[in-house]
Amino acid sequence: MREMDFTEHRINGVSVVEVLEDGVVLRNAQNLLDLISDFAVKHVILKKENITEAFFDLQTGLAADILHKALSFRIFIAVIGDFSAVESRSLREFIIECNEERRLIFKPTVEAALRVFCRKRS
């Protein structure tokens, strides 16, 4: 994988890599595995713009493939963006279900994603 701009957040013992690139970096499930192996972390934050449009078309199966890899490799992914205007009912339901499961989350800000990933466990 090519070098990319990123920042690492360390909160409550959790390391989270935030990708700072402007373009698409996640085109397939292998890109996710490459990204995680490059940074040796299990939590990653991507902007909506960092993910290929095919991901958001659930009929392609790409979202399911990436979610399957995340589950298999115990990876947590946050997608940052405005999802309030999503027209597809199936995509809206997918986002709601993912946010409940917390393996793949959709949040409006990096701070909101960090609150989910780095909350203190009692």
PDB file of N, CA and C in Angstrom:
ATOM      1  N   MET A   1       0.844  -1.174   0.000  1.00  0.00           N
ATOM      2  CA  MET A   1       0.000   0.000   0.000  1.00  0.00           C
ATOM      3  C   MET A   1       0.889   1.236   0.000  1.00  0.00           C
ATOM      4  N   ARG A   2       0.485   2.252  -0.726  1.00  0.00           N
ATOM      5  CA  ARG A   2       1.270   3.472  -0.811  1.00  0.00           C
ATOM      6  C   ARG A   2       1.254   4.207   0.523  1.00  0.00           C
ATOM      7  N   GLU A   3       2.251   5.068   0.720  1.00  0.00           N
ATOM      8  CA  GLU A   3       2.264   5.864   1.941  1.00  0.00           C
ATOM      9  C   GLU A   3       1.106   6.839   1.921  1.00  0.00           C
ATOM     10  N   MET A   4       0.547   7.099   3.100  1.00  0.00           N
ATOM     11  CA  MET A   4      -0.576   8.021   3.166  1.00  0.00           C
ATOM     12  C   MET A   4      -0.477   8.856   4.424  1.00  0.00           C
ATOM     13  N   ASP A   5      -1.179   9.982   4.392  1.00  0.00           N
ATOM     14  CA  ASP A   5      -1.239  10.843   5.559  1.00  0.00           C
ATOM     15  C   ASP A   5      -2.208  10.258   6.571  1.00  0.00           C
ATOM     16  N   PHE A   6      -1.815  10.297   7.842  1.00  0.00           N
ATOM     17  CA  PHE A   6      -2.660   9.776   8.908  1.00  0.00           C
ATOM     18  C   PHE A   6      -2.259  10.441  10.219  1.00  0.00           C
ATOM     19  N   THR A   7      -3.092  10.275  11.191  1.00  0.00           N
ATOM     20  CA  THR A   7      -2.749  10.646  12.561  1.00  0.00           C
ATOM     21  C   THR A   7      -3.211   9.516  13.466  1.00  0.00           C
ATOM     22  N   GLU A   8      -2.518   9.350  14.557  1.00  0.00           N
ATOM     23  CA  GLU A   8      -2.893   8.291  15.493  1.00  0.00           C
ATOM     24  C   GLU A   8      -3.405   8.921  16.777  1.00  0.00           C
ATOM     25  N   HIS A   9      -4.544   8.435  17.234  1.00  0.00           N
ATOM     26  CA  HIS A   9      -5.135   8.868  18.499  1.00  0.00           C
ATOM     27  C   HIS A   9      -4.929   7.742  19.505  1.00  0.00           C
ATOM     28  N   ARG A  10      -4.500   8.095  20.724  1.00  0.00           N
ATOM     29  CA  ARG A  10      -4.370   7.111  21.803  1.00  0.00           C
ATOM     30  C   ARG A  10      -5.183   7.629  22.984  1.00  0.00           C
ATOM     31  N   ILE A  11      -6.281   6.946  23.255  1.00  0.00           N
ATOM     32  CA  ILE A  11      -7.191   7.372  24.318  1.00  0.00           C
ATOM     33  C   ILE A  11      -7.611   6.141  25.102  1.00  0.00           C
ATOM     34  N   ASN A  12      -7.490   6.215  26.419  1.00  0.00           N
ATOM     35  CA  ASN A  12      -7.897   5.105  27.303  1.00  0.00           C
ATOM     36  C   ASN A  12      -7.289   3.772  26.876  1.00  0.00           C
ATOM     37  N   GLY A  13      -6.049   3.810  26.419  1.00  0.00           N
ATOM     38  CA  GLY A  13      -5.349   2.591  26.028  1.00  0.00           C
ATOM     39  C   GLY A  13      -5.707   2.049  24.659  1.00  0.00           C
ATOM     40  N   VAL A  14      -6.492   2.782  23.880  1.00  0.00           N
ATOM     41  CA  VAL A  14      -6.900   2.341  22.543  1.00  0.00           C
ATOM     42  C   VAL A  14      -6.190   3.196  21.500  1.00  0.00           C
ATOM     43  N   SER A  15      -5.548   2.552  20.542  1.00  0.00           N
ATOM     44  CA  SER A  15      -4.913   3.250  19.425  1.00  0.00           C
ATOM     45  C   SER A  15      -5.844   3.223  18.225  1.00  0.00           C
ATOM     46  N   VAL A  16      -6.054   4.401  17.650  1.00  0.00           N
ATOM     47  CA  VAL A  16      -6.944   4.545  16.503  1.00  0.00           C
ATOM     48  C   VAL A  16      -6.212   5.332  15.428  1.00  0.00           C
ATOM     49  N   VAL A  17      -6.161   4.797  14.222  1.00  0.00           N
ATOM     50  CA  VAL A  17      -5.553   5.509  13.104  1.00  0.00           C
ATOM     51  C   VAL A  17      -6.656   6.231  12.344  1.00  0.00           C
ATOM     52  N   GLU A  18      -6.439   7.526  12.142  1.00  0.00           N
ATOM     53  CA  GLU A  18      -7.348   8.332  11.328  1.00  0.00           C
ATOM     54  C   GLU A  18      -6.658   8.630  10.003  1.00  0.00           C
ATOM     55  N   VAL A  19      -7.218   8.167   8.913  1.00  0.00           N
ATOM     56  CA  VAL A  19      -6.667   8.422   7.590  1.00  0.00           C
ATOM     57  C   VAL A  19      -7.010   9.852   7.197  1.00  0.00           C
ATOM     58  N   LEU A  20      -6.002  10.612   6.767  1.00  0.00           N
ATOM     59  CA  LEU A  20      -6.191  12.015   6.432  1.00  0.00           C
ATOM     60  C   LEU A  20      -6.186  12.280   4.931  1.00  0.00           C
ATOM     61  N   GLU A  21      -6.161  11.232   4.137  1.00  0.00           N
ATOM     62  CA  GLU A  21      -6.142  11.367   2.676  1.00  0.00           C
ATOM     63  C   GLU A  21      -7.449  11.967   2.168  1.00  0.00           C
ATOM     64  N   ASP A  22      -7.380  12.622   1.010  1.00  0.00           N
ATOM     65  CA  ASP A  22      -8.573  13.179   0.390  1.00  0.00           C
ATOM     66  C   ASP A  22      -9.246  12.204  -0.572  1.00  0.00           C
ATOM     67  N   GLY A  23      -8.502  11.307  -1.163  1.00  0.00           N
ATOM     68  CA  GLY A  23      -9.053  10.410  -2.181  1.00  0.00           C
ATOM     69  C   GLY A  23      -9.468   9.060  -1.634  1.00  0.00           C
ATOM     70  N   VAL A  24      -9.864   8.197  -2.549  1.00  0.00           N
ATOM     71  CA  VAL A  24     -10.304   6.839  -2.191  1.00  0.00           C
ATOM     72  C   VAL A  24      -9.096   5.981  -1.820  1.00  0.00           C
ATOM     73  N   VAL A  25      -9.167   5.353  -0.645  1.00  0.00           N
ATOM     74  CA  VAL A  25      -8.120   4.425  -0.209  1.00  0.00           C
ATOM     75  C   VAL A  25      -8.677   3.027   0.046  1.00  0.00           C
ATOM     76  N   LEU A  26      -9.996   2.921   0.123  1.00  0.00           N
ATOM     77  CA  LEU A  26     -10.633   1.629   0.386  1.00  0.00           C
ATOM     78  C   LEU A  26     -11.529   1.275  -0.797  1.00  0.00           C
ATOM     79  N   ARG A  27     -10.973   0.411  -1.658  1.00  0.00           N
ATOM     80  CA  ARG A  27     -11.696  -0.025  -2.858  1.00  0.00           C
ATOM     81  C   ARG A  27     -12.201  -1.457  -2.735  1.00  0.00           C
ATOM     82  N   ASN A  28     -11.579  -2.216  -1.812  1.00  0.00           N
ATOM     83  CA  ASN A  28     -11.948  -3.614  -1.626  1.00  0.00           C
ATOM     84  C   ASN A  28     -11.507  -4.072  -0.239  1.00  0.00           C
ATOM     85  N   ALA A  29     -11.876  -5.277   0.122  1.00  0.00           N
ATOM     86  CA  ALA A  29     -11.563  -5.795   1.451  1.00  0.00           C
ATOM     87  C   ALA A  29     -10.062  -5.945   1.669  1.00  0.00           C
ATOM     88  N   GLN A  30      -9.322  -6.261   0.625  1.00  0.00           N
ATOM     89  CA  GLN A  30      -7.875  -6.395   0.775  1.00  0.00           C
ATOM     90  C   GLN A  30      -7.230  -5.064   1.153  1.00  0.00           C
ATOM     91  N   ASN A  31      -7.756  -3.961   0.623  1.00  0.00           N
ATOM     92  CA  ASN A  31      -7.243  -2.637   1.013  1.00  0.00           C
ATOM     93  C   ASN A  31      -7.363  -2.431   2.518  1.00  0.00           C
ATOM     94  N   LEU A  32      -8.456  -2.909   3.115  1.00  0.00           N
ATOM     95  CA  LEU A  32      -8.633  -2.788   4.563  1.00  0.00           C
ATOM     96  C   LEU A  32      -7.554  -3.567   5.302  1.00  0.00           C
ATOM     97  N   LEU A  33      -7.312  -4.792   4.877  1.00  0.00           N
ATOM     98  CA  LEU A  33      -6.280  -5.609   5.530  1.00  0.00           C
ATOM     99  C   LEU A  33      -4.898  -4.986   5.366  1.00  0.00           C
ATOM    100  N   ASP A  34      -4.613  -4.435   4.185  1.00  0.00           N
ATOM    101  CA  ASP A  34      -3.335  -3.759   3.958  1.00  0.00           C
ATOM    102  C   ASP A  34      -3.180  -2.557   4.881  1.00  0.00           C
ATOM    103  N   LEU A  35      -4.230  -1.796   5.010  1.00  0.00           N
ATOM    104  CA  LEU A  35      -4.213  -0.609   5.857  1.00  0.00           C
ATOM    105  C   LEU A  35      -3.924  -0.976   7.301  1.00  0.00           C
ATOM    106  N   ILE A  36      -4.612  -1.977   7.794  1.00  0.00           N
ATOM    107  CA  ILE A  36      -4.434  -2.400   9.182  1.00  0.00           C
ATOM    108  C   ILE A  36      -3.033  -2.965   9.402  1.00  0.00           C
ATOM    109  N   SER A  37      -2.519  -3.726   8.456  1.00  0.00           N
ATOM    110  CA  SER A  37      -1.175  -4.291   8.636  1.00  0.00           C
ATOM    111  C   SER A  37      -0.110  -3.204   8.566  1.00  0.00           C
ATOM    112  N   ASP A  38      -0.337  -2.169   7.761  1.00  0.00           N
ATOM    113  CA  ASP A  38       0.617  -1.056   7.690  1.00  0.00           C
ATOM    114  C   ASP A  38       0.721  -0.323   9.021  1.00  0.00           C
ATOM    115  N   PHE A  39      -0.383  -0.217   9.751  1.00  0.00           N
ATOM    116  CA  PHE A  39      -0.398   0.569  10.975  1.00  0.00           C
ATOM    117  C   PHE A  39      -0.404  -0.258  12.248  1.00  0.00           C
ATOM    118  N   ALA A  40      -0.598  -1.542  12.157  1.00  0.00           N
ATOM    119  CA  ALA A  40      -0.610  -2.441  13.319  1.00  0.00           C
ATOM    120  C   ALA A  40      -1.591  -1.977  14.393  1.00  0.00           C
ATOM    121  N   VAL A  41      -2.787  -1.574  13.970  1.00  0.00           N
ATOM    122  CA  VAL A  41      -3.861  -1.210  14.893  1.00  0.00           C
ATOM    123  C   VAL A  41      -5.132  -1.941  14.474  1.00  0.00           C
ATOM    124  N   LYS A  42      -6.111  -1.925  15.339  1.00  0.00           N
ATOM    125  CA  LYS A  42      -7.380  -2.596  15.047  1.00  0.00           C
ATOM    126  C   LYS A  42      -8.534  -1.612  14.877  1.00  0.00           C
ATOM    127  N   HIS A  43      -8.278  -0.314  15.055  1.00  0.00           N
ATOM    128  CA  HIS A  43      -9.315   0.714  14.921  1.00  0.00           C
ATOM    129  C   HIS A  43      -8.874   1.712  13.862  1.00  0.00           C
ATOM    130  N   VAL A  44      -9.739   1.954  12.899  1.00  0.00           N
ATOM    131  CA  VAL A  44      -9.395   2.883  11.824  1.00  0.00           C
ATOM    132  C   VAL A  44     -10.577   3.806  11.540  1.00  0.00           C
ATOM    133  N   ILE A  45     -10.254   5.067  11.282  1.00  0.00           N
ATOM    134  CA  ILE A  45     -11.260   6.065  10.933  1.00  0.00           C
ATOM    135  C   ILE A  45     -11.008   6.521   9.508  1.00  0.00           C
ATOM    136  N   LEU A  46     -12.039   6.437   8.699  1.00  0.00           N
ATOM    137  CA  LEU A  46     -11.989   6.873   7.298  1.00  0.00           C
ATOM    138  C   LEU A  46     -13.087   7.896   7.041  1.00  0.00           C
ATOM    139  N   LYS A  47     -12.817   8.844   6.179  1.00  0.00           N
ATOM    140  CA  LYS A  47     -13.869   9.744   5.724  1.00  0.00           C
ATOM    141  C   LYS A  47     -14.690   9.015   4.666  1.00  0.00           C
ATOM    142  N   LYS A  48     -15.928   9.405   4.547  1.00  0.00           N
ATOM    143  CA  LYS A  48     -16.811   8.819   3.534  1.00  0.00           C
ATOM    144  C   LYS A  48     -16.146   8.851   2.159  1.00  0.00           C
ATOM    145  N   GLU A  49     -15.426   9.934   1.883  1.00  0.00           N
ATOM    146  CA  GLU A  49     -14.760  10.122   0.589  1.00  0.00           C
ATOM    147  C   GLU A  49     -13.579   9.174   0.380  1.00  0.00           C
ATOM    148  N   ASN A  50     -13.117   8.524   1.448  1.00  0.00           N
ATOM    149  CA  ASN A  50     -12.009   7.574   1.340  1.00  0.00           C
ATOM    150  C   ASN A  50     -12.463   6.197   0.867  1.00  0.00           C
ATOM    151  N   ILE A  51     -13.773   6.008   0.761  1.00  0.00           N
ATOM    152  CA  ILE A  51     -14.329   4.701   0.421  1.00  0.00           C
ATOM    153  C   ILE A  51     -15.015   4.770  -0.938  1.00  0.00           C
ATOM    154  N   THR A  52     -14.732   3.790  -1.761  1.00  0.00           N
ATOM    155  CA  THR A  52     -15.336   3.746  -3.089  1.00  0.00           C
ATOM    156  C   THR A  52     -16.861   3.789  -3.005  1.00  0.00           C
ATOM    157  N   GLU A  53     -17.474   4.434  -3.977  1.00  0.00           N
ATOM    158  CA  GLU A  53     -18.936   4.562  -4.020  1.00  0.00           C
ATOM    159  C   GLU A  53     -19.628   3.196  -4.038  1.00  0.00           C
ATOM    160  N   ALA A  54     -18.971   2.183  -4.586  1.00  0.00           N
ATOM    161  CA  ALA A  54     -19.565   0.845  -4.650  1.00  0.00           C
ATOM    162  C   ALA A  54     -19.893   0.309  -3.257  1.00  0.00           C
ATOM    163  N   PHE A  55     -19.156   0.736  -2.258  1.00  0.00           N
ATOM    164  CA  PHE A  55     -19.413   0.312  -0.879  1.00  0.00           C
ATOM    165  C   PHE A  55     -20.834   0.691  -0.454  1.00  0.00           C
ATOM    166  N   PHE A  56     -21.281   1.877  -0.861  1.00  0.00           N
ATOM    167  CA  PHE A  56     -22.573   2.408  -0.429  1.00  0.00           C
ATOM    168  C   PHE A  56     -23.741   1.891  -1.267  1.00  0.00           C
ATOM    169  N   ASP A  57     -23.448   1.122  -2.304  1.00  0.00           N
ATOM    170  CA  ASP A  57     -24.463   0.422  -3.084  1.00  0.00           C
ATOM    171  C   ASP A  57     -24.452  -1.021  -2.583  1.00  0.00           C
ATOM    172  N   LEU A  58     -25.349  -1.329  -1.673  1.00  0.00           N
ATOM    173  CA  LEU A  58     -25.314  -2.630  -1.002  1.00  0.00           C
ATOM    174  C   LEU A  58     -25.463  -3.807  -1.944  1.00  0.00           C
ATOM    175  N   GLN A  59     -26.014  -3.585  -3.120  1.00  0.00           N
ATOM    176  CA  GLN A  59     -26.174  -4.671  -4.092  1.00  0.00           C
ATOM    177  C   GLN A  59     -24.836  -5.184  -4.612  1.00  0.00           C
ATOM    178  N   THR A  60     -23.781  -4.386  -4.509  1.00  0.00           N
ATOM    179  CA  THR A  60     -22.468  -4.839  -4.987  1.00  0.00           C
ATOM    180  C   THR A  60     -21.862  -5.894  -4.075  1.00  0.00           C
ATOM    181  N   GLY A  61     -22.289  -5.920  -2.811  1.00  0.00           N
ATOM    182  CA  GLY A  61     -21.733  -6.871  -1.854  1.00  0.00           C
ATOM    183  C   GLY A  61     -20.435  -6.415  -1.222  1.00  0.00           C
ATOM    184  N   LEU A  62     -19.916  -5.274  -1.643  1.00  0.00           N
ATOM    185  CA  LEU A  62     -18.634  -4.798  -1.118  1.00  0.00           C
ATOM    186  C   LEU A  62     -18.717  -4.472   0.369  1.00  0.00           C
ATOM    187  N   ALA A  63     -19.777  -3.811   0.797  1.00  0.00           N
ATOM    188  CA  ALA A  63     -19.926  -3.481   2.220  1.00  0.00           C
ATOM    189  C   ALA A  63     -19.953  -4.760   3.054  1.00  0.00           C
ATOM    190  N   ALA A  64     -20.675  -5.754   2.590  1.00  0.00           N
ATOM    191  CA  ALA A  64     -20.750  -7.032   3.313  1.00  0.00           C
ATOM    192  C   ALA A  64     -19.386  -7.704   3.362  1.00  0.00           C
ATOM    193  N   ASP A  65     -18.638  -7.649   2.272  1.00  0.00           N
ATOM    194  CA  ASP A  65     -17.305  -8.251   2.215  1.00  0.00           C
ATOM    195  C   ASP A  65     -16.360  -7.564   3.200  1.00  0.00           C
ATOM    196  N   ILE A  66     -16.400  -6.232   3.222  1.00  0.00           N
ATOM    197  CA  ILE A  66     -15.533  -5.485   4.134  1.00  0.00           C
ATOM    198  C   ILE A  66     -15.945  -5.731   5.582  1.00  0.00           C
ATOM    199  N   LEU A  67     -17.237  -5.775   5.846  1.00  0.00           N
ATOM    200  CA  LEU A  67     -17.708  -6.063   7.197  1.00  0.00           C
ATOM    201  C   LEU A  67     -17.295  -7.464   7.625  1.00  0.00           C
ATOM    202  N   HIS A  68     -17.374  -8.418   6.733  1.00  0.00           N
ATOM    203  CA  HIS A  68     -16.940  -9.793   7.032  1.00  0.00           C
ATOM    204  C   HIS A  68     -15.455  -9.820   7.413  1.00  0.00           C
ATOM    205  N   LYS A  69     -14.625  -9.115   6.653  1.00  0.00           N
ATOM    206  CA  LYS A  69     -13.185  -9.048   6.978  1.00  0.00           C
ATOM    207  C   LYS A  69     -12.979  -8.390   8.328  1.00  0.00           C
ATOM    208  N   ALA A  70     -13.728  -7.315   8.592  1.00  0.00           N
ATOM    209  CA  ALA A  70     -13.609  -6.630   9.878  1.00  0.00           C
ATOM    210  C   ALA A  70     -13.939  -7.580  11.026  1.00  0.00           C
ATOM    211  N   LEU A  71     -14.992  -8.361  10.865  1.00  0.00           N
ATOM    212  CA  LEU A  71     -15.371  -9.325  11.894  1.00  0.00           C
ATOM    213  C   LEU A  71     -14.305 -10.411  12.051  1.00  0.00           C
ATOM    214  N   SER A  72     -13.841 -10.937  10.932  1.00  0.00           N
ATOM    215  CA  SER A  72     -12.853 -12.026  10.961  1.00  0.00           C
ATOM    216  C   SER A  72     -11.533 -11.610  11.600  1.00  0.00           C
ATOM    217  N   PHE A  73     -11.119 -10.374  11.349  1.00  0.00           N
ATOM    218  CA  PHE A  73      -9.820  -9.904  11.832  1.00  0.00           C
ATOM    219  C   PHE A  73      -9.942  -8.974  13.034  1.00  0.00           C
ATOM    220  N   ARG A  74     -11.149  -8.885  13.589  1.00  0.00           N
ATOM    221  CA  ARG A  74     -11.414  -8.051  14.775  1.00  0.00           C
ATOM    222  C   ARG A  74     -10.982  -6.599  14.568  1.00  0.00           C
ATOM    223  N   ILE A  75     -11.381  -6.065  13.429  1.00  0.00           N
ATOM    224  CA  ILE A  75     -11.079  -4.690  13.055  1.00  0.00           C
ATOM    225  C   ILE A  75     -12.328  -3.850  13.287  1.00  0.00           C
ATOM    226  N   PHE A  76     -12.126  -2.643  13.804  1.00  0.00           N
ATOM    227  CA  PHE A  76     -13.212  -1.698  14.005  1.00  0.00           C
ATOM    228  C   PHE A  76     -13.013  -0.542  13.035  1.00  0.00           C
ATOM    229  N   ILE A  77     -14.081  -0.174  12.320  1.00  0.00           N
ATOM    230  CA  ILE A  77     -14.003   0.857  11.294  1.00  0.00           C
ATOM    231  C   ILE A  77     -15.034   1.933  11.589  1.00  0.00           C
ATOM    232  N   ALA A  78     -14.604   3.187  11.492  1.00  0.00           N
ATOM    233  CA  ALA A  78     -15.539   4.310  11.568  1.00  0.00           C
ATOM    234  C   ALA A  78     -15.512   5.027  10.231  1.00  0.00           C
ATOM    235  N   VAL A  79     -16.692   5.336   9.730  1.00  0.00           N
ATOM    236  CA  VAL A  79     -16.826   6.106   8.497  1.00  0.00           C
ATOM    237  C   VAL A  79     -17.414   7.458   8.901  1.00  0.00           C
ATOM    238  N   ILE A  80     -16.690   8.517   8.587  1.00  0.00           N
ATOM    239  CA  ILE A  80     -17.081   9.861   8.987  1.00  0.00           C
ATOM    240  C   ILE A  80     -17.731  10.585   7.818  1.00  0.00           C
ATOM    241  N   GLY A  81     -18.915  11.129   8.070  1.00  0.00           N
ATOM    242  CA  GLY A  81     -19.594  11.874   7.030  1.00  0.00           C
ATOM    243  C   GLY A  81     -21.020  12.184   7.422  1.00  0.00           C
ATOM    244  N   ASP A  82     -21.705  12.866   6.533  1.00  0.00           N
ATOM    245  CA  ASP A  82     -23.103  13.199   6.752  1.00  0.00           C
ATOM    246  C   ASP A  82     -23.951  12.138   6.047  1.00  0.00           C
ATOM    247  N   PHE A  83     -24.618  11.331   6.839  1.00  0.00           N
ATOM    248  CA  PHE A  83     -25.455  10.256   6.294  1.00  0.00           C
ATOM    249  C   PHE A  83     -26.942  10.552   6.486  1.00  0.00           C
ATOM    250  N   SER A  84     -27.254  11.783   6.865  1.00  0.00           N
ATOM    251  CA  SER A  84     -28.646  12.148   7.147  1.00  0.00           C
ATOM    252  C   SER A  84     -29.518  12.177   5.894  1.00  0.00           C
ATOM    253  N   ALA A  85     -28.917  12.365   4.733  1.00  0.00           N
ATOM    254  CA  ALA A  85     -29.700  12.473   3.497  1.00  0.00           C
ATOM    255  C   ALA A  85     -29.684  11.193   2.657  1.00  0.00           C
ATOM    256  N   VAL A  86     -29.275  10.075   3.253  1.00  0.00           N
ATOM    257  CA  VAL A  86     -29.237   8.810   2.520  1.00  0.00           C
ATOM    258  C   VAL A  86     -30.655   8.455   2.080  1.00  0.00           C
ATOM    259  N   GLU A  87     -30.823   8.236   0.786  1.00  0.00           N
ATOM    260  CA  GLU A  87     -32.150   7.939   0.245  1.00  0.00           C
ATOM    261  C   GLU A  87     -32.490   6.456   0.256  1.00  0.00           C
ATOM    262  N   SER A  88     -31.492   5.616   0.112  1.00  0.00           N
ATOM    263  CA  SER A  88     -31.722   4.177   0.063  1.00  0.00           C
ATOM    264  C   SER A  88     -32.155   3.654   1.430  1.00  0.00           C
ATOM    265  N   ARG A  89     -33.333   3.050   1.461  1.00  0.00           N
ATOM    266  CA  ARG A  89     -33.833   2.489   2.715  1.00  0.00           C
ATOM    267  C   ARG A  89     -32.912   1.395   3.235  1.00  0.00           C
ATOM    268  N   SER A  90     -32.446   0.546   2.341  1.00  0.00           N
ATOM    269  CA  SER A  90     -31.574  -0.553   2.775  1.00  0.00           C
ATOM    270  C   SER A  90     -30.255  -0.016   3.334  1.00  0.00           C
ATOM    271  N   LEU A  91     -29.708   1.041   2.740  1.00  0.00           N
ATOM    272  CA  LEU A  91     -28.466   1.622   3.260  1.00  0.00           C
ATOM    273  C   LEU A  91     -28.716   2.288   4.609  1.00  0.00           C
ATOM    274  N   ARG A  92     -29.833   2.987   4.769  1.00  0.00           N
ATOM    275  CA  ARG A  92     -30.162   3.601   6.069  1.00  0.00           C
ATOM    276  C   ARG A  92     -30.270   2.522   7.145  1.00  0.00           C
ATOM    277  N   GLU A  93     -30.936   1.424   6.830  1.00  0.00           N
ATOM    278  CA  GLU A  93     -31.088   0.329   7.795  1.00  0.00           C
ATOM    279  C   GLU A  93     -29.747  -0.324   8.110  1.00  0.00           C
ATOM    280  N   PHE A  94     -28.898  -0.462   7.092  1.00  0.00           N
ATOM    281  CA  PHE A  94     -27.552  -1.012   7.279  1.00  0.00           C
ATOM    282  C   PHE A  94     -26.759  -0.130   8.238  1.00  0.00           C
ATOM    283  N   ILE A  95     -26.821   1.178   8.040  1.00  0.00           N
ATOM    284  CA  ILE A  95     -26.096   2.119   8.901  1.00  0.00           C
ATOM    285  C   ILE A  95     -26.589   2.010  10.340  1.00  0.00           C
ATOM    286  N   ILE A  96     -27.893   1.958  10.531  1.00  0.00           N
ATOM    287  CA  ILE A  96     -28.459   1.839  11.883  1.00  0.00           C
ATOM    288  C   ILE A  96     -27.998   0.543  12.545  1.00  0.00           C
ATOM    289  N   GLU A  97     -28.082  -0.561  11.805  1.00  0.00           N
ATOM    290  CA  GLU A  97     -27.677  -1.860  12.354  1.00  0.00           C
ATOM    291  C   GLU A  97     -26.182  -1.879  12.690  1.00  0.00           C
ATOM    292  N   CYS A  98     -25.367  -1.342  11.808  1.00  0.00           N
ATOM    293  CA  CYS A  98     -23.920  -1.299  12.063  1.00  0.00           C
ATOM    294  C   CYS A  98     -23.607  -0.466  13.295  1.00  0.00           C
ATOM    295  N   ASN A  99     -24.261   0.671  13.436  1.00  0.00           N
ATOM    296  CA  ASN A  99     -24.015   1.530  14.602  1.00  0.00           C
ATOM    297  C   ASN A  99     -24.398   0.830  15.903  1.00  0.00           C
ATOM    298  N   GLU A 100     -25.389  -0.030  15.858  1.00  0.00           N
ATOM    299  CA  GLU A 100     -25.767  -0.795  17.046  1.00  0.00           C
ATOM    300  C   GLU A 100     -24.732  -1.871  17.366  1.00  0.00           C
ATOM    301  N   GLU A 101     -24.185  -2.503  16.343  1.00  0.00           N
ATOM    302  CA  GLU A 101     -23.202  -3.576  16.531  1.00  0.00           C
ATOM    303  C   GLU A 101     -21.815  -3.045  16.880  1.00  0.00           C
ATOM    304  N   ARG A 102     -21.485  -1.858  16.396  1.00  0.00           N
ATOM    305  CA  ARG A 102     -20.242  -1.126  16.693  1.00  0.00           C
ATOM    306  C   ARG A 102     -18.968  -1.714  16.104  1.00  0.00           C
ATOM    307  N   ARG A 103     -19.077  -2.589  15.144  1.00  0.00           N
ATOM    308  CA  ARG A 103     -17.882  -3.077  14.444  1.00  0.00           C
ATOM    309  C   ARG A 103     -17.551  -2.117  13.303  1.00  0.00           C
ATOM    310  N   LEU A 104     -18.568  -1.687  12.625  1.00  0.00           N
ATOM    311  CA  LEU A 104     -18.477  -0.697  11.552  1.00  0.00           C
ATOM    312  C   LEU A 104     -19.471   0.389  11.927  1.00  0.00           C
ATOM    313  N   ILE A 105     -18.957   1.601  12.189  1.00  0.00           N
ATOM    314  CA  ILE A 105     -19.852   2.670  12.624  1.00  0.00           C
ATOM    315  C   ILE A 105     -19.821   3.833  11.639  1.00  0.00           C
ATOM    316  N   PHE A 106     -20.910   4.537  11.588  1.00  0.00           N
ATOM    317  CA  PHE A 106     -21.062   5.707  10.729  1.00  0.00           C
ATOM    318  C   PHE A 106     -21.354   6.884  11.648  1.00  0.00           C
ATOM    319  N   LYS A 107     -20.450   7.855  11.679  1.00  0.00           N
ATOM    320  CA  LYS A 107     -20.580   8.985  12.595  1.00  0.00           C
ATOM    321  C   LYS A 107     -20.344  10.295  11.849  1.00  0.00           C
ATOM    322  N   PRO A 108     -20.888  11.403  12.383  1.00  0.00           N
ATOM    323  CA  PRO A 108     -20.723  12.691  11.711  1.00  0.00           C
ATOM    324  C   PRO A 108     -19.354  13.318  11.922  1.00  0.00           C
ATOM    325  N   THR A 109     -18.667  12.955  13.007  1.00  0.00           N
ATOM    326  CA  THR A 109     -17.370  13.570  13.317  1.00  0.00           C
ATOM    327  C   THR A 109     -16.381  12.532  13.835  1.00  0.00           C
ATOM    328  N   VAL A 110     -15.115  12.890  13.749  1.00  0.00           N
ATOM    329  CA  VAL A 110     -14.058  12.040  14.308  1.00  0.00           C
ATOM    330  C   VAL A 110     -14.246  11.907  15.813  1.00  0.00           C
ATOM    331  N   GLU A 111     -14.592  13.001  16.459  1.00  0.00           N
ATOM    332  CA  GLU A 111     -14.781  12.982  17.913  1.00  0.00           C
ATOM    333  C   GLU A 111     -15.865  11.982  18.317  1.00  0.00           C
ATOM    334  N   ALA A 112     -16.953  11.939  17.561  1.00  0.00           N
ATOM    335  CA  ALA A 112     -18.033  10.986  17.858  1.00  0.00           C
ATOM    336  C   ALA A 112     -17.542   9.548  17.704  1.00  0.00           C
ATOM    337  N   ALA A 113     -16.735   9.290  16.693  1.00  0.00           N
ATOM    338  CA  ALA A 113     -16.185   7.944  16.493  1.00  0.00           C
ATOM    339  C   ALA A 113     -15.226   7.579  17.625  1.00  0.00           C
ATOM    340  N   LEU A 114     -14.394   8.521  18.028  1.00  0.00           N
ATOM    341  CA  LEU A 114     -13.454   8.251  19.121  1.00  0.00           C
ATOM    342  C   LEU A 114     -14.189   7.967  20.427  1.00  0.00           C
ATOM    343  N   ARG A 115     -15.318   8.632  20.664  1.00  0.00           N
ATOM    344  CA  ARG A 115     -16.096   8.357  21.880  1.00  0.00           C
ATOM    345  C   ARG A 115     -16.574   6.903  21.894  1.00  0.00           C
ATOM    346  N   VAL A 116     -16.937   6.373  20.739  1.00  0.00           N
ATOM    347  CA  VAL A 116     -17.386   4.974  20.665  1.00  0.00           C
ATOM    348  C   VAL A 116     -16.197   4.029  20.834  1.00  0.00           C
ATOM    349  N   PHE A 117     -15.134   4.268  20.099  1.00  0.00           N
ATOM    350  CA  PHE A 117     -13.978   3.360  20.125  1.00  0.00           C
ATOM    351  C   PHE A 117     -13.222   3.389  21.444  1.00  0.00           C
ATOM    352  N   CYS A 118     -13.157   4.530  22.083  1.00  0.00           N
ATOM    353  CA  CYS A 118     -12.247   4.715  23.224  1.00  0.00           C
ATOM    354  C   CYS A 118     -12.954   4.908  24.556  1.00  0.00           C
ATOM    355  N   ARG A 119     -14.226   4.547  24.631  1.00  0.00           N
ATOM    356  CA  ARG A 119     -14.922   4.713  25.897  1.00  0.00           C
ATOM    357  C   ARG A 119     -14.313   3.795  26.947  1.00  0.00           C
ATOM    358  N   LYS A 120     -14.281   4.291  28.160  1.00  0.00           N
ATOM    359  CA  LYS A 120     -13.726   3.495  29.259  1.00  0.00           C
ATOM    360  C   LYS A 120     -14.629   2.312  29.549  1.00  0.00           C
ATOM    361  N   ARG A 121     -14.025   1.187  29.747  1.00  0.00           N
ATOM    362  CA  ARG A 121     -14.761  -0.026  30.087  1.00  0.00           C
ATOM    363  C   ARG A 121     -14.748  -0.156  31.615  1.00  0.00           C
ATOM    364  N   SER A 122     -15.884  -0.517  32.191  1.00  0.00           N
ATOM    365  CA  SER A 122     -15.907  -0.672  33.655  1.00  0.00           C
ATOM    366  C   SER A 122     -15.810  -2.099  34.060  1.00  0.00           C
TER     367      SER A 122
END
